[in-house]
Amino acid sequence: MKFDLLIRNATVIDGTRAPRFEADIGVSSGKISRIGKLKEKGEIEIDASGKIAAPGFIDAHTHDDRLMLSA
């Protein structure tokens, strides 16, 4: 299998509170398809040595306007 994008040697923090780990991330059709020490090649390869890969962060902090909520 050849990935569309292959991110090599990233430090992965997966958001589950598991310890961080070193891995490659294979992306196909815009979605992560495999994570691990991958032997396959990528159409585009990025060396992420010394970089962190983590899920997107969401800022759930909001300020509501009570006037609008009461309508």
PDB file of N, CA and C in Angstrom:
ATOM      1  N   MET A   1       0.845  -1.178   0.000  1.00  0.00           N
ATOM      2  CA  MET A   1       0.000   0.000   0.000  1.00  0.00           C
ATOM      3  C   MET A   1       0.887   1.237   0.000  1.00  0.00           C
ATOM      4  N   LYS A   2       0.538   2.205  -0.810  1.00  0.00           N
ATOM      5  CA  LYS A   2       1.233   3.483  -0.828  1.00  0.00           C
ATOM      6  C   LYS A   2       0.276   4.541  -0.300  1.00  0.00           C
ATOM      7  N   PHE A   3       0.725   5.324   0.671  1.00  0.00           N
ATOM      8  CA  PHE A   3      -0.112   6.358   1.272  1.00  0.00           C
ATOM      9  C   PHE A   3      -0.059   7.634   0.443  1.00  0.00           C
ATOM     10  N   ASP A   4      -1.130   8.423   0.509  1.00  0.00           N
ATOM     11  CA  ASP A   4      -1.114   9.743  -0.120  1.00  0.00           C
ATOM     12  C   ASP A   4      -0.134  10.646   0.625  1.00  0.00           C
ATOM     13  N   LEU A   5      -0.136  10.532   1.945  1.00  0.00           N
ATOM     14  CA  LEU A   5       0.751  11.312   2.812  1.00  0.00           C
ATOM     15  C   LEU A   5       1.278  10.387   3.893  1.00  0.00           C
ATOM     16  N   LEU A   6       2.564  10.472   4.158  1.00  0.00           N
ATOM     17  CA  LEU A   6       3.174   9.677   5.221  1.00  0.00           C
ATOM     18  C   LEU A   6       3.988  10.610   6.105  1.00  0.00           C
ATOM     19  N   ILE A   7       3.596  10.701   7.352  1.00  0.00           N
ATOM     20  CA  ILE A   7       4.304  11.517   8.335  1.00  0.00           C
ATOM     21  C   ILE A   7       5.185  10.568   9.132  1.00  0.00           C
ATOM     22  N   ARG A   8       6.485  10.764   9.055  1.00  0.00           N
ATOM     23  CA  ARG A   8       7.440   9.845   9.680  1.00  0.00           C
ATOM     24  C   ARG A   8       7.984  10.408  10.994  1.00  0.00           C
ATOM     25  N   ASN A   9       8.199   9.503  11.941  1.00  0.00           N
ATOM     26  CA  ASN A   9       8.935   9.792  13.178  1.00  0.00           C
ATOM     27  C   ASN A   9       8.274  10.836  14.077  1.00  0.00           C
ATOM     28  N   ALA A  10       6.958  10.910  14.085  1.00  0.00           N
ATOM     29  CA  ALA A  10       6.254  11.871  14.939  1.00  0.00           C
ATOM     30  C   ALA A  10       6.153  11.341  16.366  1.00  0.00           C
ATOM     31  N   THR A  11       6.121  12.241  17.321  1.00  0.00           N
ATOM     32  CA  THR A  11       5.770  11.892  18.694  1.00  0.00           C
ATOM     33  C   THR A  11       4.261  12.040  18.777  1.00  0.00           C
ATOM     34  N   VAL A  12       3.560  10.934  18.989  1.00  0.00           N
ATOM     35  CA  VAL A  12       2.097  10.929  18.953  1.00  0.00           C
ATOM     36  C   VAL A  12       1.537  11.048  20.368  1.00  0.00           C
ATOM     37  N   ILE A  13       0.658  12.019  20.556  1.00  0.00           N
ATOM     38  CA  ILE A  13      -0.129  12.157  21.786  1.00  0.00           C
ATOM     39  C   ILE A  13      -1.570  11.987  21.334  1.00  0.00           C
ATOM     40  N   ASP A  14      -2.203  10.876  21.728  1.00  0.00           N
ATOM     41  CA  ASP A  14      -3.505  10.534  21.142  1.00  0.00           C
ATOM     42  C   ASP A  14      -4.721  11.050  21.910  1.00  0.00           C
ATOM     43  N   GLY A  15      -4.511  11.734  23.029  1.00  0.00           N
ATOM     44  CA  GLY A  15      -5.636  12.310  23.759  1.00  0.00           C
ATOM     45  C   GLY A  15      -6.345  11.358  24.705  1.00  0.00           C
ATOM     46  N   THR A  16      -5.831  10.138  24.861  1.00  0.00           N
ATOM     47  CA  THR A  16      -6.464   9.157  25.755  1.00  0.00           C
ATOM     48  C   THR A  16      -5.756   9.072  27.108  1.00  0.00           C
ATOM     49  N   ARG A  17      -4.785   9.921  27.333  1.00  0.00           N
ATOM     50  CA  ARG A  17      -3.927   9.914  28.522  1.00  0.00           C
ATOM     51  C   ARG A  17      -2.930   8.764  28.521  1.00  0.00           C
ATOM     52  N   ALA A  18      -2.838   8.054  27.415  1.00  0.00           N
ATOM     53  CA  ALA A  18      -1.802   7.030  27.267  1.00  0.00           C
ATOM     54  C   ALA A  18      -0.461   7.748  27.095  1.00  0.00           C
ATOM     55  N   PRO A  19       0.638   7.079  27.426  1.00  0.00           N
ATOM     56  CA  PRO A  19       1.945   7.717  27.221  1.00  0.00           C
ATOM     57  C   PRO A  19       2.162   8.050  25.748  1.00  0.00           C
ATOM     58  N   ARG A  20       2.878   9.130  25.500  1.00  0.00           N
ATOM     59  CA  ARG A  20       3.215   9.485  24.111  1.00  0.00           C
ATOM     60  C   ARG A  20       4.110   8.404  23.519  1.00  0.00           C
ATOM     61  N   PHE A  21       4.086   8.276  22.202  1.00  0.00           N
ATOM     62  CA  PHE A  21       4.897   7.253  21.547  1.00  0.00           C
ATOM     63  C   PHE A  21       5.355   7.750  20.184  1.00  0.00           C
ATOM     64  N   GLU A  22       6.449   7.173  19.699  1.00  0.00           N
ATOM     65  CA  GLU A  22       6.996   7.522  18.390  1.00  0.00           C
ATOM     66  C   GLU A  22       6.333   6.644  17.339  1.00  0.00           C
ATOM     67  N   ALA A  23       5.892   7.246  16.234  1.00  0.00           N
ATOM     68  CA  ALA A  23       5.226   6.462  15.190  1.00  0.00           C
ATOM     69  C   ALA A  23       5.208   7.226  13.874  1.00  0.00           C
ATOM     70  N   ASP A  24       4.900   6.481  12.830  1.00  0.00           N
ATOM     71  CA  ASP A  24       4.616   7.049  11.513  1.00  0.00           C
ATOM     72  C   ASP A  24       3.101   7.089  11.366  1.00  0.00           C
ATOM     73  N   ILE A  25       2.604   8.042  10.587  1.00  0.00           N
ATOM     74  CA  ILE A  25       1.161   8.189  10.382  1.00  0.00           C
ATOM     75  C   ILE A  25       0.895   8.165   8.884  1.00  0.00           C
ATOM     76  N   GLY A  26       0.146   7.157   8.438  1.00  0.00           N
ATOM     77  CA  GLY A  26      -0.199   7.027   7.025  1.00  0.00           C
ATOM     78  C   GLY A  26      -1.584   7.584   6.756  1.00  0.00           C
ATOM     79  N   VAL A  27      -1.689   8.456   5.756  1.00  0.00           N
ATOM     80  CA  VAL A  27      -2.960   9.091   5.403  1.00  0.00           C
ATOM     81  C   VAL A  27      -3.333   8.692   3.981  1.00  0.00           C
ATOM     82  N   SER A  28      -4.567   8.219   3.802  1.00  0.00           N
ATOM     83  CA  SER A  28      -5.100   7.855   2.484  1.00  0.00           C
ATOM     84  C   SER A  28      -6.479   8.475   2.321  1.00  0.00           C
ATOM     85  N   SER A  29      -6.724   9.089   1.190  1.00  0.00           N
ATOM     86  CA  SER A  29      -8.025   9.717   0.899  1.00  0.00           C
ATOM     87  C   SER A  29      -8.457  10.684   2.001  1.00  0.00           C
ATOM     88  N   GLY A  30      -7.495  11.423   2.559  1.00  0.00           N
ATOM     89  CA  GLY A  30      -7.808  12.438   3.546  1.00  0.00           C
ATOM     90  C   GLY A  30      -8.063  11.936   4.952  1.00  0.00           C
ATOM     91  N   LYS A  31      -7.857  10.637   5.193  1.00  0.00           N
ATOM     92  CA  LYS A  31      -8.105  10.074   6.522  1.00  0.00           C
ATOM     93  C   LYS A  31      -6.894   9.280   6.990  1.00  0.00           C
ATOM     94  N   ILE A  32      -6.655   9.318   8.306  1.00  0.00           N
ATOM     95  CA  ILE A  32      -5.575   8.503   8.859  1.00  0.00           C
ATOM     96  C   ILE A  32      -5.961   7.043   8.683  1.00  0.00           C
ATOM     97  N   SER A  33      -5.098   6.282   8.021  1.00  0.00           N
ATOM     98  CA  SER A  33      -5.423   4.876   7.775  1.00  0.00           C
ATOM     99  C   SER A  33      -4.570   3.913   8.601  1.00  0.00           C
ATOM    100  N   ARG A  34      -3.364   4.338   8.987  1.00  0.00           N
ATOM    101  CA  ARG A  34      -2.526   3.478   9.839  1.00  0.00           C
ATOM    102  C   ARG A  34      -1.594   4.329  10.672  1.00  0.00           C
ATOM    103  N   ILE A  35      -1.291   3.825  11.865  1.00  0.00           N
ATOM    104  CA  ILE A  35      -0.310   4.460  12.745  1.00  0.00           C
ATOM    105  C   ILE A  35       0.599   3.358  13.264  1.00  0.00           C
ATOM    106  N   GLY A  36       1.887   3.585  13.223  1.00  0.00           N
ATOM    107  CA  GLY A  36       2.857   2.612  13.706  1.00  0.00           C
ATOM    108  C   GLY A  36       4.175   2.824  12.991  1.00  0.00           C
ATOM    109  N   LYS A  37       5.089   1.885  13.115  1.00  0.00           N
ATOM    110  CA  LYS A  37       6.337   1.939  12.356  1.00  0.00           C
ATOM    111  C   LYS A  37       6.043   1.333  10.988  1.00  0.00           C
ATOM    112  N   LEU A  38       5.833   2.184   9.996  1.00  0.00           N
ATOM    113  CA  LEU A  38       5.340   1.746   8.691  1.00  0.00           C
ATOM    114  C   LEU A  38       6.479   1.583   7.694  1.00  0.00           C
ATOM    115  N   LYS A  39       6.441   0.498   6.929  1.00  0.00           N
ATOM    116  CA  LYS A  39       7.447   0.227   5.906  1.00  0.00           C
ATOM    117  C   LYS A  39       7.044   0.788   4.548  1.00  0.00           C
ATOM    118  N   GLU A  40       5.752   1.053   4.373  1.00  0.00           N
ATOM    119  CA  GLU A  40       5.251   1.539   3.094  1.00  0.00           C
ATOM    120  C   GLU A  40       5.804   2.936   2.786  1.00  0.00           C
ATOM    121  N   LYS A  41       5.627   3.358   1.556  1.00  0.00           N
ATOM    122  CA  LYS A  41       6.055   4.680   1.095  1.00  0.00           C
ATOM    123  C   LYS A  41       4.858   5.607   1.019  1.00  0.00           C
ATOM    124  N   GLY A  42       5.129   6.893   0.924  1.00  0.00           N
ATOM    125  CA  GLY A  42       4.079   7.885   0.761  1.00  0.00           C
ATOM    126  C   GLY A  42       4.307   8.701  -0.493  1.00  0.00           C
ATOM    127  N   GLU A  43       3.222   9.114  -1.146  1.00  0.00           N
ATOM    128  CA  GLU A  43       3.330  10.012  -2.299  1.00  0.00           C
ATOM    129  C   GLU A  43       4.057  11.285  -1.853  1.00  0.00           C
ATOM    130  N   ILE A  44       3.682  11.770  -0.672  1.00  0.00           N
ATOM    131  CA  ILE A  44       4.368  12.882  -0.011  1.00  0.00           C
ATOM    132  C   ILE A  44       4.812  12.359   1.347  1.00  0.00           C
ATOM    133  N   GLU A  45       6.057  12.611   1.708  1.00  0.00           N
ATOM    134  CA  GLU A  45       6.560  12.188   3.013  1.00  0.00           C
ATOM    135  C   GLU A  45       7.085  13.396   3.773  1.00  0.00           C
ATOM    136  N   ILE A  46       6.717  13.468   5.037  1.00  0.00           N
ATOM    137  CA  ILE A  46       7.146  14.558   5.909  1.00  0.00           C
ATOM    138  C   ILE A  46       7.908  13.956   7.076  1.00  0.00           C
ATOM    139  N   ASP A  47       9.102  14.481   7.346  1.00  0.00           N
ATOM    140  CA  ASP A  47       9.861  14.036   8.510  1.00  0.00           C
ATOM    141  C   ASP A  47       9.425  14.881   9.700  1.00  0.00           C
ATOM    142  N   ALA A  48       8.778  14.256  10.663  1.00  0.00           N
ATOM    143  CA  ALA A  48       8.273  14.961  11.844  1.00  0.00           C
ATOM    144  C   ALA A  48       9.146  14.702  13.069  1.00  0.00           C
ATOM    145  N   SER A  49      10.405  14.359  12.859  1.00  0.00           N
ATOM    146  CA  SER A  49      11.320  14.142  13.987  1.00  0.00           C
ATOM    147  C   SER A  49      11.339  15.391  14.862  1.00  0.00           C
ATOM    148  N   GLY A  50      11.156  15.191  16.169  1.00  0.00           N
ATOM    149  CA  GLY A  50      11.152  16.312  17.095  1.00  0.00           C
ATOM    150  C   GLY A  50       9.842  17.088  17.126  1.00  0.00           C
ATOM    151  N   LYS A  51       8.837  16.617  16.391  1.00  0.00           N
ATOM    152  CA  LYS A  51       7.527  17.277  16.334  1.00  0.00           C
ATOM    153  C   LYS A  51       6.478  16.393  16.999  1.00  0.00           C
ATOM    154  N   ILE A  52       5.377  17.011  17.425  1.00  0.00           N
ATOM    155  CA  ILE A  52       4.280  16.287  18.065  1.00  0.00           C
ATOM    156  C   ILE A  52       3.090  16.234  17.125  1.00  0.00           C
ATOM    157  N   ALA A  53       2.472  15.064  17.021  1.00  0.00           N
ATOM    158  CA  ALA A  53       1.214  14.899  16.283  1.00  0.00           C
ATOM    159  C   ALA A  53       0.134  14.597  17.317  1.00  0.00           C
ATOM    160  N   ALA A  54      -0.949  15.368  17.277  1.00  0.00           N
ATOM    161  CA  ALA A  54      -2.034  15.208  18.252  1.00  0.00           C
ATOM    162  C   ALA A  54      -3.351  15.537  17.569  1.00  0.00           C
ATOM    163  N   PRO A  55      -4.469  15.034  18.120  1.00  0.00           N
ATOM    164  CA  PRO A  55      -5.767  15.379  17.541  1.00  0.00           C
ATOM    165  C   PRO A  55      -6.019  16.880  17.655  1.00  0.00           C
ATOM    166  N   GLY A  56      -6.947  17.376  16.860  1.00  0.00           N
ATOM    167  CA  GLY A  56      -7.290  18.795  16.918  1.00  0.00           C
ATOM    168  C   GLY A  56      -7.785  19.185  18.296  1.00  0.00           C
ATOM    169  N   PHE A  57      -7.443  20.370  18.720  1.00  0.00           N
ATOM    170  CA  PHE A  57      -7.879  20.862  20.019  1.00  0.00           C
ATOM    171  C   PHE A  57      -9.111  21.728  19.831  1.00  0.00           C
ATOM    172  N   ILE A  58     -10.098  21.545  20.681  1.00  0.00           N
ATOM    173  CA  ILE A  58     -11.350  22.291  20.594  1.00  0.00           C
ATOM    174  C   ILE A  58     -11.456  23.179  21.825  1.00  0.00           C
ATOM    175  N   ASP A  59     -11.700  24.448  21.610  1.00  0.00           N
ATOM    176  CA  ASP A  59     -11.905  25.379  22.715  1.00  0.00           C
ATOM    177  C   ASP A  59     -13.398  25.449  22.984  1.00  0.00           C
ATOM    178  N   ALA A  60     -13.849  24.760  24.014  1.00  0.00           N
ATOM    179  CA  ALA A  60     -15.280  24.700  24.327  1.00  0.00           C
ATOM    180  C   ALA A  60     -15.720  25.854  25.222  1.00  0.00           C
ATOM    181  N   HIS A  61     -14.831  26.767  25.506  1.00  0.00           N
ATOM    182  CA  HIS A  61     -15.151  27.916  26.353  1.00  0.00           C
ATOM    183  C   HIS A  61     -16.005  28.906  25.559  1.00  0.00           C
ATOM    184  N   THR A  62     -17.158  29.265  26.084  1.00  0.00           N
ATOM    185  CA  THR A  62     -18.033  30.216  25.393  1.00  0.00           C
ATOM    186  C   THR A  62     -18.595  31.238  26.365  1.00  0.00           C
ATOM    187  N   HIS A  63     -19.092  32.311  25.817  1.00  0.00           N
ATOM    188  CA  HIS A  63     -19.830  33.328  26.570  1.00  0.00           C
ATOM    189  C   HIS A  63     -21.176  33.461  25.882  1.00  0.00           C
ATOM    190  N   ASP A  64     -22.245  33.129  26.584  1.00  0.00           N
ATOM    191  CA  ASP A  64     -23.556  33.252  25.947  1.00  0.00           C
ATOM    192  C   ASP A  64     -24.172  34.607  26.280  1.00  0.00           C
ATOM    193  N   ASP A  65     -25.030  35.036  25.424  1.00  0.00           N
ATOM    194  CA  ASP A  65     -25.766  36.277  25.617  1.00  0.00           C
ATOM    195  C   ASP A  65     -27.160  35.887  26.090  1.00  0.00           C
ATOM    196  N   ARG A  66     -27.416  36.032  27.372  1.00  0.00           N
ATOM    197  CA  ARG A  66     -28.696  35.591  27.950  1.00  0.00           C
ATOM    198  C   ARG A  66     -29.893  36.232  27.253  1.00  0.00           C
ATOM    199  N   LEU A  67     -29.748  37.449  26.767  1.00  0.00           N
ATOM    200  CA  LEU A  67     -30.850  38.110  26.075  1.00  0.00           C
ATOM    201  C   LEU A  67     -31.259  37.313  24.835  1.00  0.00           C
ATOM    202  N   MET A  68     -30.269  36.826  24.076  1.00  0.00           N
ATOM    203  CA  MET A  68     -30.576  36.060  22.863  1.00  0.00           C
ATOM    204  C   MET A  68     -31.146  34.688  23.212  1.00  0.00           C
ATOM    205  N   LEU A  69     -30.706  34.106  24.322  1.00  0.00           N
ATOM    206  CA  LEU A  69     -31.183  32.780  24.701  1.00  0.00           C
ATOM    207  C   LEU A  69     -32.605  32.807  25.251  1.00  0.00           C
ATOM    208  N   SER A  70     -33.066  33.946  25.711  1.00  0.00           N
ATOM    209  CA  SER A  70     -34.407  34.029  26.293  1.00  0.00           C
ATOM    210  C   SER A  70     -35.493  34.255  25.243  1.00  0.00           C
ATOM    211  N   ALA A  71     -35.114  34.511  24.017  1.00  0.00           N
ATOM    212  CA  ALA A  71     -36.108  34.797  22.960  1.00  0.00           C
ATOM    213  C   ALA A  71     -36.841  33.556  22.515  1.00  0.00           C
TER     214      ALA A  71
END
